[in-house]
């Protein structure tokens, strides 16, 4: 009760509450052209949407989508977004997960992705779930927000303190279940992994021991990512992924993610 009385004078700027998680009410679009998120991919989540979904109201979306993330697991993520070049040619991206279930998503260790000044339209990265966090259902929040070029402050999960210019961008919420790491080691989840690369395409061949969420990346010898495939659920058995052709002959590495765990296979084109 004491905390409620303390916050009462700031009622117009404080976040409202959806279930137990804060919902900023300051993400009001200034125009239908305000930029936002158009796609989020993380594990089994793959959501495509309009950049502004509820104009002219609050640019916050509780998607209702969910996925399961293992402690210690590393997961490729994709965030696609738009920009408003006249105001801010870049966007700042964040992913937060409320590991301690306090509804704020701003504690130490809860920021899983933080990248700034991106021109888009697509960012590919990864997040890692710490081994030390509690298991159970919680919330993941993804945002794309205008950067300092538009005189904006850095993104915060509840827009506290409120950005004086408004939260120009979008927030999307997803439900996640954090579980203990179980199952066979990643090297045993796929067998017979090999890559056939020619001038036409790059074909990945492997056999899954069990159903898995699969994501593939091709890196050059310096570690630079050259090709990336879509994240998809694949059934047990023989599988083939076709990626574009590599530009040059040389040594490369395939990084194959199975249920959030990577395995690496080197090959020569």
Protein backbone atom coordinates (compact mmCIF):
# COMPACT_ATOMS: atom_id res chain seq x y z
CA UNK A 1 0.00 0.00 0.00
CA UNK A 2 2.84 2.39 0.79
CA UNK A 3 4.23 1.96 -2.71
CA UNK A 4 0.84 2.69 -4.31
CA UNK A 5 0.52 5.93 -2.37
CA UNK A 6 4.03 6.93 -3.36
CA UNK A 7 3.29 6.42 -7.08
CA UNK A 8 -0.10 8.11 -7.07
CA UNK A 9 1.18 11.65 -7.89
CA UNK A 10 2.82 10.23 -11.05
CA UNK A 11 -0.23 8.34 -12.23
CA UNK A 12 -0.30 9.95 -15.66
CA UNK A 13 3.24 8.84 -16.46
CA UNK A 14 3.40 5.50 -14.66
CA UNK A 15 2.87 2.24 -16.53
CA UNK A 16 -0.38 0.40 -16.29
CA UNK A 17 -0.36 -3.31 -15.53
CA UNK A 18 -1.29 -6.22 -17.78
CA UNK A 19 -1.32 -9.26 -15.49
CA UNK A 20 1.84 -8.60 -13.48
CA UNK A 21 3.99 -6.95 -16.16
CA UNK A 22 4.24 -3.22 -16.68
CA UNK A 23 2.72 -1.81 -19.86
CA UNK A 24 4.05 1.63 -20.83
CA UNK A 25 1.31 4.03 -21.87
CA UNK A 26 3.75 6.49 -23.44
CA UNK A 27 4.28 4.64 -26.77
CA UNK A 28 1.66 6.71 -28.59
CA UNK A 29 2.28 6.92 -32.37
CA UNK A 30 2.87 10.42 -33.69
CA UNK A 31 1.69 9.34 -37.18
CA UNK A 32 0.80 6.20 -39.15
CA UNK A 33 4.39 6.30 -40.48
CA UNK A 34 5.97 5.82 -37.05
CA UNK A 35 8.40 2.89 -37.29
CA UNK A 36 8.04 -0.37 -35.43
CA UNK A 37 8.69 -4.11 -35.46
CA UNK A 38 7.67 -6.19 -38.48
CA UNK A 39 9.07 -9.61 -37.51
CA UNK A 40 10.39 -11.42 -34.44
CA UNK A 41 11.96 -14.88 -34.63
CA UNK A 42 13.12 -16.70 -31.51
CA UNK A 43 13.11 -20.49 -31.18
CA UNK A 44 9.57 -21.58 -32.18
CA UNK A 45 8.27 -17.99 -32.36
CA UNK A 46 8.09 -16.50 -35.85
CA UNK A 47 5.71 -13.54 -35.93
CA UNK A 48 5.25 -11.15 -38.85
CA UNK A 49 3.16 -8.01 -38.39
CA UNK A 50 2.55 -4.44 -39.46
CA UNK A 51 5.04 -2.04 -37.90
CA UNK A 52 2.28 -0.06 -36.15
CA UNK A 53 -0.60 -2.37 -35.25
CA UNK A 54 -2.94 -0.21 -33.20
CA UNK A 55 -2.70 3.34 -34.56
CA UNK A 56 -3.47 5.85 -33.11
CA UNK A 57 -3.37 4.08 -29.76
CA UNK A 58 -0.53 2.71 -27.64
CA UNK A 59 2.20 1.04 -29.73
CA UNK A 60 2.46 -1.95 -27.39
CA UNK A 61 1.37 -5.46 -28.40
CA UNK A 62 0.87 -8.46 -26.14
CA UNK A 63 1.17 -11.11 -28.84
CA UNK A 64 0.09 -14.06 -26.70
CA UNK A 65 2.69 -16.23 -28.46
CA UNK A 66 4.94 -18.46 -26.39
CA UNK A 67 8.04 -20.64 -26.58
CA UNK A 68 10.19 -22.80 -24.32
CA UNK A 69 13.78 -21.75 -23.58
CA UNK A 70 16.33 -23.93 -21.82
CA UNK A 71 18.68 -22.66 -19.14
CA UNK A 72 22.14 -22.35 -20.64
CA UNK A 73 20.73 -22.41 -24.18
CA UNK A 74 21.75 -19.94 -26.87
CA UNK A 75 19.06 -19.02 -29.41
CA UNK A 76 19.35 -17.16 -32.72
CA UNK A 77 16.99 -14.19 -32.92
CA UNK A 78 15.79 -12.08 -35.82
CA UNK A 79 14.19 -8.65 -35.46
CA UNK A 80 12.92 -6.86 -38.57
CA UNK A 81 11.88 -3.22 -38.24
CA UNK A 82 11.12 -0.04 -40.14
CA UNK A 83 12.60 3.44 -39.76
CA UNK A 84 11.50 7.03 -40.28
CA UNK A 85 14.49 8.52 -42.11
CA UNK A 86 13.30 12.10 -41.70
CA UNK A 87 13.37 11.88 -37.91
CA UNK A 88 15.76 9.08 -36.98
CA UNK A 89 17.61 6.94 -39.55
CA UNK A 90 18.53 4.35 -36.93
CA UNK A 91 16.75 2.26 -34.30
CA UNK A 92 17.86 0.78 -30.98
CA UNK A 93 16.87 -2.82 -30.19
CA UNK A 94 16.42 -4.58 -26.86
CA UNK A 95 15.22 -7.96 -25.61
CA UNK A 96 14.39 -8.33 -21.92
CA UNK A 97 13.22 -11.37 -19.95
CA UNK A 98 11.74 -11.05 -16.46
CA UNK A 99 13.76 -13.78 -14.77
CA UNK A 100 12.82 -12.81 -11.19
CA UNK A 101 9.11 -12.29 -11.97
CA UNK A 102 8.87 -8.81 -10.45
CA UNK A 103 7.03 -7.36 -13.46
CA UNK A 104 9.70 -4.79 -14.34
CA UNK A 105 12.24 -6.57 -16.62
CA UNK A 106 14.96 -4.11 -15.60
CA UNK A 107 17.08 -6.04 -13.12
CA UNK A 108 20.71 -7.05 -13.61
CA UNK A 109 20.97 -9.88 -16.12
CA UNK A 110 17.50 -9.39 -17.61
CA UNK A 111 18.71 -7.55 -20.73
CA UNK A 112 19.54 -10.32 -23.20
CA UNK A 113 20.02 -8.18 -26.31
CA UNK A 114 21.19 -4.57 -26.54
CA UNK A 115 22.25 -3.11 -29.89
CA UNK A 116 22.06 0.52 -30.98
CA UNK A 117 22.05 2.66 -34.13
CA UNK A 118 20.84 0.05 -36.61
CA UNK A 119 19.52 1.07 -40.02
CA UNK A 120 17.79 -2.25 -40.64
CA UNK A 121 15.67 -3.58 -42.08
CA UNK A 122 16.72 -6.87 -40.40
CA UNK A 123 18.97 -7.67 -37.46
CA UNK A 124 20.20 -11.20 -36.74
CA UNK A 125 21.74 -11.96 -33.37
CA UNK A 126 21.43 -14.34 -30.47
CA UNK A 127 20.41 -14.50 -26.82
CA UNK A 128 21.64 -16.81 -24.06
CA UNK A 129 19.56 -17.93 -21.08
CA UNK A 130 21.69 -17.91 -17.89
CA UNK A 131 22.08 -21.18 -16.03
CA UNK A 132 21.35 -19.46 -12.72
CA UNK A 133 17.78 -18.28 -13.42
CA UNK A 134 14.63 -19.86 -12.02
CA UNK A 135 12.45 -22.14 -14.10
CA UNK A 136 8.82 -21.33 -14.87
CA UNK A 137 6.60 -19.10 -16.99
CA UNK A 138 7.57 -15.48 -17.49
CA UNK A 139 7.58 -12.63 -20.02
CA UNK A 140 9.94 -11.65 -22.84
CA UNK A 141 9.74 -8.10 -24.19
CA UNK A 142 11.16 -7.02 -27.56
CA UNK A 143 11.47 -3.41 -28.66
CA UNK A 144 12.67 -1.30 -31.56
CA UNK A 145 12.91 2.39 -30.63
CA UNK A 146 14.20 5.54 -32.29
CA UNK A 147 17.74 6.48 -31.27
CA UNK A 148 19.47 9.69 -30.21
CA UNK A 149 19.30 11.06 -33.76
CA UNK A 150 15.68 11.82 -32.91
CA UNK A 151 16.73 13.12 -29.46
CA UNK A 152 15.40 9.98 -27.79
CA UNK A 153 16.68 8.31 -24.65
CA UNK A 154 17.80 4.69 -24.64
CA UNK A 155 15.04 2.06 -24.44
CA UNK A 156 13.87 0.91 -21.03
CA UNK A 157 11.37 -1.94 -20.58
CA UNK A 158 8.72 0.19 -18.87
CA UNK A 159 9.79 3.60 -20.26
CA UNK A 160 10.76 4.79 -16.80
CA UNK A 161 11.71 7.57 -16.58
CA UNK A 162 9.51 8.45 -19.56
CA UNK A 163 11.27 9.59 -22.71
CA UNK A 164 10.49 13.33 -22.93
CA UNK A 165 9.92 12.99 -26.69
CA UNK A 166 7.69 9.93 -26.33
CA UNK A 167 8.45 6.25 -26.85
CA UNK A 168 8.67 6.33 -30.64
CA UNK A 169 8.88 2.71 -31.73
CA UNK A 170 7.13 -0.48 -30.69
CA UNK A 171 7.13 -3.03 -27.88
CA UNK A 172 6.01 -6.64 -28.29
CA UNK A 173 5.52 -9.12 -25.45
CA UNK A 174 5.90 -12.89 -25.63
CA UNK A 175 5.39 -15.61 -23.04
CA UNK A 176 8.37 -17.85 -22.35
CA UNK A 177 8.78 -20.93 -20.20
CA UNK A 178 12.26 -21.35 -18.74
CA UNK A 179 13.15 -25.02 -18.27
CA UNK A 180 16.16 -26.99 -17.12
CA UNK A 181 18.50 -28.21 -19.84
CA UNK A 182 17.62 -31.80 -20.64
CA UNK A 183 18.07 -34.27 -23.46
CA UNK A 184 20.97 -35.64 -25.42
CA UNK A 185 24.05 -33.50 -26.14
CA UNK A 186 23.79 -31.43 -29.31
CA UNK A 187 26.44 -33.50 -31.10
CA UNK A 188 24.17 -36.53 -30.71
CA UNK A 189 21.02 -34.78 -31.96
CA UNK A 190 22.21 -34.75 -35.57
CA UNK A 191 24.28 -37.31 -37.46
CA UNK A 192 25.72 -37.49 -40.95
CA UNK A 193 26.17 -33.74 -41.18
CA UNK A 194 27.82 -32.61 -44.41
CA UNK A 195 27.69 -29.63 -46.75
CA UNK A 196 27.61 -29.67 -50.55
CA UNK A 197 28.49 -26.27 -52.01
CA UNK A 198 28.71 -25.33 -55.68
CA UNK A 199 28.03 -22.31 -57.90
CA UNK A 200 24.26 -22.77 -57.61
CA UNK A 201 23.61 -23.29 -53.90
CA UNK A 202 24.83 -24.46 -50.51
CA UNK A 203 23.03 -27.63 -49.40
CA UNK A 204 23.11 -28.81 -45.78
CA UNK A 205 22.43 -32.50 -45.21
CA UNK A 206 21.91 -34.13 -41.82
CA UNK A 207 19.77 -36.62 -39.93
CA UNK A 208 17.93 -35.63 -36.74
CA UNK A 209 17.84 -38.16 -33.91
CA UNK A 210 14.66 -36.46 -32.64
CA UNK A 211 12.41 -33.54 -33.57
CA UNK A 212 14.25 -30.24 -33.12
CA UNK A 213 14.12 -26.51 -33.73
CA UNK A 214 16.84 -25.95 -36.34
CA UNK A 215 18.71 -22.82 -37.38
CA UNK A 216 21.73 -22.74 -39.71
CA UNK A 217 24.47 -20.19 -40.31
CA UNK A 218 27.52 -20.22 -42.60
CA UNK A 219 30.66 -18.34 -41.49
CA UNK A 220 33.92 -17.67 -43.30
CA UNK A 221 37.35 -18.44 -41.83
CA UNK A 222 37.42 -15.10 -39.97
CA UNK A 223 34.08 -15.82 -38.28
CA UNK A 224 32.03 -13.40 -40.38
CA UNK A 225 28.46 -14.61 -40.96
CA UNK A 226 27.78 -14.97 -44.69
CA UNK A 227 24.55 -16.97 -44.91
CA UNK A 228 21.70 -17.51 -42.48
CA UNK A 229 18.67 -19.76 -42.77
CA UNK A 230 15.23 -19.40 -41.24
CA UNK A 231 14.55 -20.95 -37.85
CA UNK A 232 12.15 -23.88 -38.25
CA UNK A 233 10.86 -26.97 -36.50
CA UNK A 234 12.04 -30.17 -38.20
CA UNK A 235 10.98 -33.75 -37.69
CA UNK A 236 13.17 -36.71 -36.84
CA UNK A 237 14.98 -38.21 -39.84
CA UNK A 238 16.84 -37.06 -42.95
CA UNK A 239 16.79 -33.32 -43.60
CA UNK A 240 18.10 -30.98 -46.28
CA UNK A 241 18.45 -27.20 -46.11
CA UNK A 242 19.21 -25.19 -49.23
CA UNK A 243 20.96 -21.82 -48.85
CA UNK A 244 22.29 -19.45 -51.52
CA UNK A 245 25.67 -20.11 -53.11
CA UNK A 246 28.83 -18.94 -51.39
CA UNK A 247 30.68 -16.24 -53.34
CA UNK A 248 34.19 -17.73 -53.32
CA UNK A 249 36.10 -20.96 -52.95
CA UNK A 250 37.70 -21.44 -49.55
CA UNK A 251 37.26 -22.76 -46.02
CA UNK A 252 33.96 -22.20 -44.21
CA UNK A 253 32.13 -23.41 -41.12
CA UNK A 254 28.52 -24.46 -40.68
CA UNK A 255 26.99 -23.54 -37.32
CA UNK A 256 23.91 -25.68 -36.86
CA UNK A 257 21.67 -24.77 -33.92
CA UNK A 258 19.54 -27.60 -32.53
CA UNK A 259 17.06 -26.61 -29.81
CA UNK A 260 19.22 -23.60 -29.02
CA UNK A 261 22.51 -25.52 -28.81
CA UNK A 262 25.15 -24.97 -31.52
CA UNK A 263 27.34 -27.51 -33.28
CA UNK A 264 30.03 -26.57 -35.79
CA UNK A 265 31.13 -28.44 -38.91
CA UNK A 266 33.97 -27.15 -41.09
CA UNK A 267 33.95 -27.62 -44.84
CA UNK A 268 35.63 -26.44 -48.04
CA UNK A 269 33.86 -24.99 -51.08
